[in-house]
Amino acid sequence: MAVRTGGERRAPGVAVAAGVWLLWRRTGDWRWSTRGRELVGWMLVGWGLFNVVEGLVDHHLIGIHHVRETGSQTAWDLAFLAFGALLVAGGWLVIRTARRSVSGL
């Protein structure tokens, strides 16, 4: 097993933060203030979908790794899937409320 340094663990987060910052800077449209919540909602949906797909494929179907390699692996893996599903549901709720506030409903 390879030992990861702190930089390797932070790189994906830095890349996502840089992408969101670039998106924010490139959006000069007035709708950004009302669509910002929708963007956050879609980010939560994407994060949740990634967790669900990665959890199903890597943890359950292929068995490449588990959330925790010791103890109750299945419980941790199922909790990871539930967290992903909650992120999807929460993101969808944020998107719906953001769209309602824009449309005035």
N, C-alpha and C. Protein backbone atom coordinates (compact mmCIF):
# COMPACT_ATOMS: atom_id res chain seq x y z
N MET A 1 0.85 -1.18 0.00
CA MET A 1 0.00 0.00 0.00
C MET A 1 0.89 1.24 0.00
N ALA A 2 0.59 2.15 -0.88
CA ALA A 2 1.37 3.38 -0.99
C ALA A 2 0.99 4.35 0.12
N VAL A 3 1.99 5.06 0.60
CA VAL A 3 1.75 6.07 1.62
C VAL A 3 1.50 7.39 0.92
N ARG A 4 0.41 8.02 1.26
CA ARG A 4 0.06 9.30 0.63
C ARG A 4 0.49 10.45 1.49
N THR A 5 0.97 11.47 0.83
CA THR A 5 1.34 12.68 1.56
C THR A 5 0.14 13.59 1.67
N GLY A 6 0.25 14.63 2.48
CA GLY A 6 -0.85 15.57 2.66
C GLY A 6 -1.24 16.25 1.37
N GLY A 7 -0.27 16.54 0.51
CA GLY A 7 -0.55 17.21 -0.76
C GLY A 7 -1.40 16.38 -1.69
N GLU A 8 -1.17 15.08 -1.71
CA GLU A 8 -1.96 14.21 -2.57
C GLU A 8 -3.40 14.13 -2.10
N ARG A 9 -3.61 14.25 -0.80
CA ARG A 9 -4.97 14.21 -0.27
C ARG A 9 -5.72 15.51 -0.51
N ARG A 10 -5.00 16.62 -0.56
CA ARG A 10 -5.64 17.92 -0.74
C ARG A 10 -5.83 18.28 -2.20
N ALA A 11 -5.13 17.65 -3.12
CA ALA A 11 -5.17 18.04 -4.53
C ALA A 11 -6.58 18.03 -5.13
N PRO A 12 -7.39 17.00 -4.92
CA PRO A 12 -8.74 17.05 -5.50
C PRO A 12 -9.57 18.21 -4.97
N GLY A 13 -9.49 18.49 -3.69
CA GLY A 13 -10.24 19.61 -3.12
C GLY A 13 -9.78 20.94 -3.67
N VAL A 14 -8.47 21.07 -3.86
CA VAL A 14 -7.93 22.31 -4.44
C VAL A 14 -8.41 22.47 -5.88
N ALA A 15 -8.44 21.37 -6.63
CA ALA A 15 -8.90 21.42 -8.02
C ALA A 15 -10.37 21.82 -8.09
N VAL A 16 -11.20 21.27 -7.22
CA VAL A 16 -12.62 21.62 -7.21
C VAL A 16 -12.80 23.09 -6.82
N ALA A 17 -12.09 23.52 -5.79
CA ALA A 17 -12.18 24.92 -5.35
C ALA A 17 -11.75 25.87 -6.47
N ALA A 18 -10.69 25.53 -7.18
CA ALA A 18 -10.23 26.37 -8.29
C ALA A 18 -11.27 26.41 -9.40
N GLY A 19 -11.91 25.27 -9.69
CA GLY A 19 -12.94 25.24 -10.72
C GLY A 19 -14.15 26.08 -10.36
N VAL A 20 -14.58 26.00 -9.11
CA VAL A 20 -15.71 26.80 -8.67
C VAL A 20 -15.35 28.29 -8.70
N TRP A 21 -14.15 28.62 -8.28
CA TRP A 21 -13.70 30.02 -8.30
C TRP A 21 -13.69 30.55 -9.74
N LEU A 22 -13.15 29.76 -10.68
CA LEU A 22 -13.14 30.17 -12.09
C LEU A 22 -14.55 30.35 -12.62
N LEU A 23 -15.44 29.44 -12.27
CA LEU A 23 -16.83 29.56 -12.70
C LEU A 23 -17.44 30.84 -12.16
N TRP A 24 -17.19 31.13 -10.89
CA TRP A 24 -17.71 32.34 -10.25
C TRP A 24 -17.18 33.59 -10.95
N ARG A 25 -15.89 33.61 -11.25
CA ARG A 25 -15.26 34.78 -11.88
C ARG A 25 -15.75 34.99 -13.32
N ARG A 26 -16.02 33.91 -14.02
CA ARG A 26 -16.42 34.01 -15.42
C ARG A 26 -17.89 34.35 -15.57
N THR A 27 -18.65 34.26 -14.50
CA THR A 27 -20.08 34.53 -14.57
C THR A 27 -20.31 35.99 -14.22
N GLY A 28 -20.48 36.81 -15.22
CA GLY A 28 -20.75 38.22 -15.00
C GLY A 28 -22.23 38.54 -15.07
N ASP A 29 -23.02 37.52 -15.29
CA ASP A 29 -24.46 37.71 -15.46
C ASP A 29 -25.11 38.09 -14.13
N TRP A 30 -26.13 38.90 -14.16
CA TRP A 30 -26.83 39.34 -12.94
C TRP A 30 -27.52 38.19 -12.23
N ARG A 31 -27.83 37.13 -12.95
CA ARG A 31 -28.56 36.00 -12.36
C ARG A 31 -27.70 35.19 -11.40
N TRP A 32 -26.40 35.47 -11.34
CA TRP A 32 -25.52 34.67 -10.49
C TRP A 32 -26.00 34.67 -9.04
N SER A 33 -26.45 35.81 -8.55
CA SER A 33 -26.85 35.88 -7.15
C SER A 33 -28.04 34.97 -6.86
N THR A 34 -28.95 34.84 -7.80
CA THR A 34 -30.10 33.96 -7.58
C THR A 34 -29.78 32.52 -7.96
N ARG A 35 -28.85 32.30 -8.85
CA ARG A 35 -28.50 30.95 -9.28
C ARG A 35 -27.39 30.34 -8.44
N GLY A 36 -26.78 31.12 -7.55
CA GLY A 36 -25.72 30.58 -6.71
C GLY A 36 -26.19 29.42 -5.86
N ARG A 37 -27.39 29.54 -5.31
CA ARG A 37 -27.94 28.44 -4.51
C ARG A 37 -28.19 27.21 -5.38
N GLU A 38 -28.61 27.45 -6.60
CA GLU A 38 -28.84 26.31 -7.50
C GLU A 38 -27.52 25.61 -7.83
N LEU A 39 -26.46 26.39 -8.01
CA LEU A 39 -25.14 25.80 -8.26
C LEU A 39 -24.72 24.94 -7.07
N VAL A 40 -24.91 25.45 -5.87
CA VAL A 40 -24.56 24.68 -4.67
C VAL A 40 -25.39 23.39 -4.62
N GLY A 41 -26.66 23.49 -4.98
CA GLY A 41 -27.51 22.30 -5.01
C GLY A 41 -27.00 21.26 -5.98
N TRP A 42 -26.62 21.70 -7.19
CA TRP A 42 -26.08 20.76 -8.17
C TRP A 42 -24.75 20.18 -7.73
N MET A 43 -23.96 20.97 -7.02
CA MET A 43 -22.70 20.44 -6.50
C MET A 43 -22.97 19.33 -5.48
N LEU A 44 -23.97 19.52 -4.62
CA LEU A 44 -24.33 18.49 -3.66
C LEU A 44 -24.86 17.24 -4.35
N VAL A 45 -25.68 17.43 -5.39
CA VAL A 45 -26.19 16.28 -6.14
C VAL A 45 -25.02 15.52 -6.78
N GLY A 46 -24.09 16.24 -7.38
CA GLY A 46 -22.94 15.58 -8.01
C GLY A 46 -22.08 14.84 -7.01
N TRP A 47 -21.83 15.45 -5.86
CA TRP A 47 -21.04 14.80 -4.82
C TRP A 47 -21.75 13.54 -4.34
N GLY A 48 -23.05 13.64 -4.13
CA GLY A 48 -23.81 12.50 -3.66
C GLY A 48 -23.85 11.37 -4.68
N LEU A 49 -24.08 11.72 -5.95
CA LEU A 49 -24.10 10.69 -6.99
C LEU A 49 -22.75 10.00 -7.12
N PHE A 50 -21.68 10.78 -7.03
CA PHE A 50 -20.35 10.18 -7.07
C PHE A 50 -20.19 9.19 -5.92
N ASN A 51 -20.59 9.59 -4.72
CA ASN A 51 -20.45 8.70 -3.56
C ASN A 51 -21.27 7.43 -3.74
N VAL A 52 -22.49 7.56 -4.25
CA VAL A 52 -23.34 6.38 -4.43
C VAL A 52 -22.74 5.44 -5.47
N VAL A 53 -22.34 5.97 -6.61
CA VAL A 53 -21.78 5.12 -7.67
C VAL A 53 -20.46 4.51 -7.21
N GLU A 54 -19.59 5.32 -6.64
CA GLU A 54 -18.30 4.82 -6.17
C GLU A 54 -18.49 3.79 -5.07
N GLY A 55 -19.43 4.05 -4.18
CA GLY A 55 -19.69 3.11 -3.11
C GLY A 55 -20.23 1.78 -3.61
N LEU A 56 -21.16 1.84 -4.55
CA LEU A 56 -21.72 0.60 -5.09
C LEU A 56 -20.66 -0.20 -5.87
N VAL A 57 -19.94 0.50 -6.73
CA VAL A 57 -18.97 -0.20 -7.59
C VAL A 57 -17.75 -0.65 -6.78
N ASP A 58 -17.06 0.30 -6.14
CA ASP A 58 -15.80 -0.03 -5.47
C ASP A 58 -15.98 -0.82 -4.18
N HIS A 59 -16.98 -0.50 -3.40
CA HIS A 59 -17.13 -1.15 -2.10
C HIS A 59 -17.89 -2.47 -2.20
N HIS A 60 -18.92 -2.51 -3.04
CA HIS A 60 -19.79 -3.69 -3.03
C HIS A 60 -19.58 -4.61 -4.24
N LEU A 61 -19.55 -4.07 -5.44
CA LEU A 61 -19.44 -4.94 -6.62
C LEU A 61 -18.03 -5.49 -6.82
N ILE A 62 -17.05 -4.60 -6.84
CA ILE A 62 -15.67 -5.02 -7.10
C ILE A 62 -14.94 -5.36 -5.81
N GLY A 63 -15.23 -4.61 -4.76
CA GLY A 63 -14.57 -4.85 -3.47
C GLY A 63 -13.13 -4.38 -3.43
N ILE A 64 -12.82 -3.32 -4.20
CA ILE A 64 -11.45 -2.79 -4.23
C ILE A 64 -11.01 -2.31 -2.86
N HIS A 65 -11.88 -1.61 -2.18
CA HIS A 65 -11.59 -1.10 -0.84
C HIS A 65 -12.90 -0.89 -0.11
N HIS A 66 -12.79 -0.57 1.15
CA HIS A 66 -13.96 -0.28 1.97
C HIS A 66 -13.74 1.04 2.69
N VAL A 67 -14.80 1.62 3.22
CA VAL A 67 -14.68 2.87 3.96
C VAL A 67 -13.74 2.67 5.14
N ARG A 68 -13.95 1.60 5.87
CA ARG A 68 -13.06 1.19 6.96
C ARG A 68 -12.67 -0.27 6.71
N GLU A 69 -11.39 -0.54 6.74
CA GLU A 69 -10.91 -1.90 6.47
C GLU A 69 -11.04 -2.81 7.68
N THR A 70 -11.23 -2.24 8.86
CA THR A 70 -11.36 -3.05 10.07
C THR A 70 -12.77 -2.88 10.64
N GLY A 71 -13.16 -3.79 11.48
CA GLY A 71 -14.47 -3.68 12.12
C GLY A 71 -15.59 -4.09 11.18
N SER A 72 -16.70 -3.43 11.31
CA SER A 72 -17.89 -3.75 10.52
C SER A 72 -17.84 -3.02 9.18
N GLN A 73 -17.18 -3.63 8.20
CA GLN A 73 -17.02 -3.01 6.89
C GLN A 73 -18.35 -2.72 6.22
N THR A 74 -19.25 -3.66 6.28
CA THR A 74 -20.54 -3.49 5.60
C THR A 74 -21.32 -2.32 6.18
N ALA A 75 -21.31 -2.17 7.49
CA ALA A 75 -22.04 -1.06 8.11
C ALA A 75 -21.47 0.29 7.65
N TRP A 76 -20.15 0.40 7.63
CA TRP A 76 -19.53 1.65 7.18
C TRP A 76 -19.83 1.92 5.71
N ASP A 77 -19.77 0.87 4.89
CA ASP A 77 -20.06 1.03 3.46
C ASP A 77 -21.51 1.46 3.23
N LEU A 78 -22.44 0.87 3.98
CA LEU A 78 -23.84 1.25 3.84
C LEU A 78 -24.08 2.67 4.34
N ALA A 79 -23.40 3.07 5.41
CA ALA A 79 -23.51 4.45 5.90
C ALA A 79 -22.99 5.42 4.85
N PHE A 80 -21.93 5.05 4.13
CA PHE A 80 -21.38 5.88 3.06
C PHE A 80 -22.42 6.05 1.94
N LEU A 81 -23.10 4.97 1.59
CA LEU A 81 -24.15 5.04 0.57
C LEU A 81 -25.31 5.91 1.04
N ALA A 82 -25.69 5.77 2.30
CA ALA A 82 -26.78 6.58 2.85
C ALA A 82 -26.40 8.06 2.85
N PHE A 83 -25.15 8.37 3.20
CA PHE A 83 -24.68 9.76 3.17
C PHE A 83 -24.75 10.31 1.75
N GLY A 84 -24.36 9.51 0.76
CA GLY A 84 -24.45 9.94 -0.63
C GLY A 84 -25.89 10.21 -1.04
N ALA A 85 -26.80 9.34 -0.62
CA ALA A 85 -28.21 9.53 -0.94
C ALA A 85 -28.76 10.79 -0.28
N LEU A 86 -28.33 11.07 0.95
CA LEU A 86 -28.75 12.30 1.64
C LEU A 86 -28.23 13.54 0.92
N LEU A 87 -27.02 13.47 0.41
CA LEU A 87 -26.48 14.59 -0.35
C LEU A 87 -27.29 14.85 -1.61
N VAL A 88 -27.67 13.78 -2.31
CA VAL A 88 -28.49 13.93 -3.52
C VAL A 88 -29.83 14.55 -3.16
N ALA A 89 -30.48 14.03 -2.12
CA ALA A 89 -31.80 14.55 -1.72
C ALA A 89 -31.69 16.00 -1.25
N GLY A 90 -30.69 16.30 -0.45
CA GLY A 90 -30.50 17.67 0.02
C GLY A 90 -30.20 18.63 -1.10
N GLY A 91 -29.36 18.21 -2.03
CA GLY A 91 -29.05 19.05 -3.19
C GLY A 91 -30.27 19.32 -4.04
N TRP A 92 -31.08 18.28 -4.24
CA TRP A 92 -32.31 18.45 -5.02
C TRP A 92 -33.26 19.42 -4.34
N LEU A 93 -33.34 19.35 -3.02
CA LEU A 93 -34.19 20.27 -2.27
C LEU A 93 -33.68 21.71 -2.42
N VAL A 94 -32.38 21.91 -2.36
CA VAL A 94 -31.80 23.25 -2.55
C VAL A 94 -32.12 23.77 -3.94
N ILE A 95 -32.00 22.92 -4.95
CA ILE A 95 -32.29 23.33 -6.34
C ILE A 95 -33.75 23.74 -6.47
N ARG A 96 -34.65 22.94 -5.92
CA ARG A 96 -36.08 23.26 -6.03
C ARG A 96 -36.43 24.56 -5.35
N THR A 97 -35.89 24.79 -4.14
CA THR A 97 -36.19 26.04 -3.44
C THR A 97 -35.56 27.23 -4.14
N ALA A 98 -34.39 27.05 -4.74
CA ALA A 98 -33.76 28.15 -5.48
C ALA A 98 -34.58 28.51 -6.71
N ARG A 99 -35.09 27.50 -7.39
CA ARG A 99 -35.90 27.77 -8.59
C ARG A 99 -37.22 28.42 -8.23
N ARG A 100 -37.80 28.01 -7.10
CA ARG A 100 -39.06 28.63 -6.67
C ARG A 100 -38.87 30.09 -6.31
N SER A 101 -37.73 30.42 -5.67
CA SER A 101 -37.50 31.81 -5.29
C SER A 101 -37.26 32.69 -6.51
N VAL A 102 -36.70 32.11 -7.58
CA VAL A 102 -36.49 32.87 -8.81
C VAL A 102 -37.79 33.09 -9.56
N SER A 103 -38.62 32.02 -9.60
CA SER A 103 -39.88 32.13 -10.34
C SER A 103 -40.98 32.85 -9.56
N GLY A 104 -40.74 33.07 -8.27
CA GLY A 104 -41.72 33.80 -7.45
C GLY A 104 -42.87 32.96 -6.95
N LEU A 105 -42.71 31.63 -6.98
CA LEU A 105 -43.78 30.75 -6.50
C LEU A 105 -43.71 30.57 -5.01
